């Protein structure tokens, strides 16, 4: 079941990108060079972090 959901999400992302439509925030990791979507909550951007 997890593979089916992953494949469906991947397809949705690719179709949006190919159609020039925005990708849903849930799928974003980085946007404009900064953490976005789930990535914004799972990554730290504090000075000194690497």
C-alpha atoms as a PDB file:
ATOM      1  CA  UNK A   1       0.000   0.000   0.000  1.00  0.00           C
ATOM      2  CA  UNK A   2       2.821   2.429   0.844  1.00  0.00           C
ATOM      3  CA  UNK A   3       4.344   1.941  -2.612  1.00  0.00           C
ATOM      4  CA  UNK A   4       1.023   2.759  -4.260  1.00  0.00           C
ATOM      5  CA  UNK A   5       0.712   5.987  -2.238  1.00  0.00           C
ATOM      6  CA  UNK A   6       4.320   6.938  -2.975  1.00  0.00           C
ATOM      7  CA  UNK A   7       3.817   6.313  -6.694  1.00  0.00           C
ATOM      8  CA  UNK A   8       0.608   8.357  -6.705  1.00  0.00           C
ATOM      9  CA  UNK A   9       2.334  11.263  -4.956  1.00  0.00           C
ATOM     10  CA  UNK A  10       5.283  11.123  -7.338  1.00  0.00           C
ATOM     11  CA  UNK A  11       2.933  11.143 -10.299  1.00  0.00           C
ATOM     12  CA  UNK A  12       1.018  14.132  -8.896  1.00  0.00           C
ATOM     13  CA  UNK A  13       4.257  16.079  -8.397  1.00  0.00           C
ATOM     14  CA  UNK A  14       5.510  15.328 -11.902  1.00  0.00           C
ATOM     15  CA  UNK A  15       2.182  16.160 -13.540  1.00  0.00           C
ATOM     16  CA  UNK A  16       1.990  19.481 -11.689  1.00  0.00           C
ATOM     17  CA  UNK A  17       5.571  20.339 -12.648  1.00  0.00           C
ATOM     18  CA  UNK A  18       5.065  19.401 -16.303  1.00  0.00           C
ATOM     19  CA  UNK A  19       1.821  21.410 -16.448  1.00  0.00           C
ATOM     20  CA  UNK A  20       3.481  24.438 -14.837  1.00  0.00           C
ATOM     21  CA  UNK A  21       1.172  24.234 -11.823  1.00  0.00           C
ATOM     22  CA  UNK A  22       2.289  24.732  -8.218  1.00  0.00           C
ATOM     23  CA  UNK A  23       3.227  21.639  -6.236  1.00  0.00           C
ATOM     24  CA  UNK A  24       1.209  21.173  -3.047  1.00  0.00           C
ATOM     25  CA  UNK A  25       2.963  22.393   0.098  1.00  0.00           C
ATOM     26  CA  UNK A  26       2.855  18.907   1.629  1.00  0.00           C
ATOM     27  CA  UNK A  27       5.297  17.753  -1.041  1.00  0.00           C
ATOM     28  CA  UNK A  28       7.735  20.665  -0.864  1.00  0.00           C
ATOM     29  CA  UNK A  29      11.079  20.347   0.861  1.00  0.00           C
ATOM     30  CA  UNK A  30      12.793  23.451  -0.538  1.00  0.00           C
ATOM     31  CA  UNK A  31      11.344  26.467  -2.369  1.00  0.00           C
ATOM     32  CA  UNK A  32      13.354  29.492  -3.421  1.00  0.00           C
ATOM     33  CA  UNK A  33      16.461  28.169  -1.670  1.00  0.00           C
ATOM     34  CA  UNK A  34      14.822  27.938   1.765  1.00  0.00           C
ATOM     35  CA  UNK A  35      13.145  25.046   3.579  1.00  0.00           C
ATOM     36  CA  UNK A  36       9.460  24.793   2.687  1.00  0.00           C
ATOM     37  CA  UNK A  37       6.476  22.587   3.449  1.00  0.00           C
ATOM     38  CA  UNK A  38       7.418  19.671   5.688  1.00  0.00           C
ATOM     39  CA  UNK A  39      11.078  20.614   5.257  1.00  0.00           C
ATOM     40  CA  UNK A  40      10.487  23.936   6.990  1.00  0.00           C
ATOM     41  CA  UNK A  41       9.459  22.093  10.140  1.00  0.00           C
ATOM     42  CA  UNK A  42      12.067  19.344  10.039  1.00  0.00           C
ATOM     43  CA  UNK A  43      15.150  21.484   9.304  1.00  0.00           C
ATOM     44  CA  UNK A  44      16.815  24.156  11.352  1.00  0.00           C
ATOM     45  CA  UNK A  45      18.064  27.371   9.752  1.00  0.00           C
ATOM     46  CA  UNK A  46      19.598  28.808  12.909  1.00  0.00           C
ATOM     47  CA  UNK A  47      23.022  30.460  12.518  1.00  0.00           C
ATOM     48  CA  UNK A  48      25.819  27.952  12.994  1.00  0.00           C
ATOM     49  CA  UNK A  49      23.744  24.935  12.000  1.00  0.00           C
ATOM     50  CA  UNK A  50      25.134  22.836   9.207  1.00  0.00           C
END
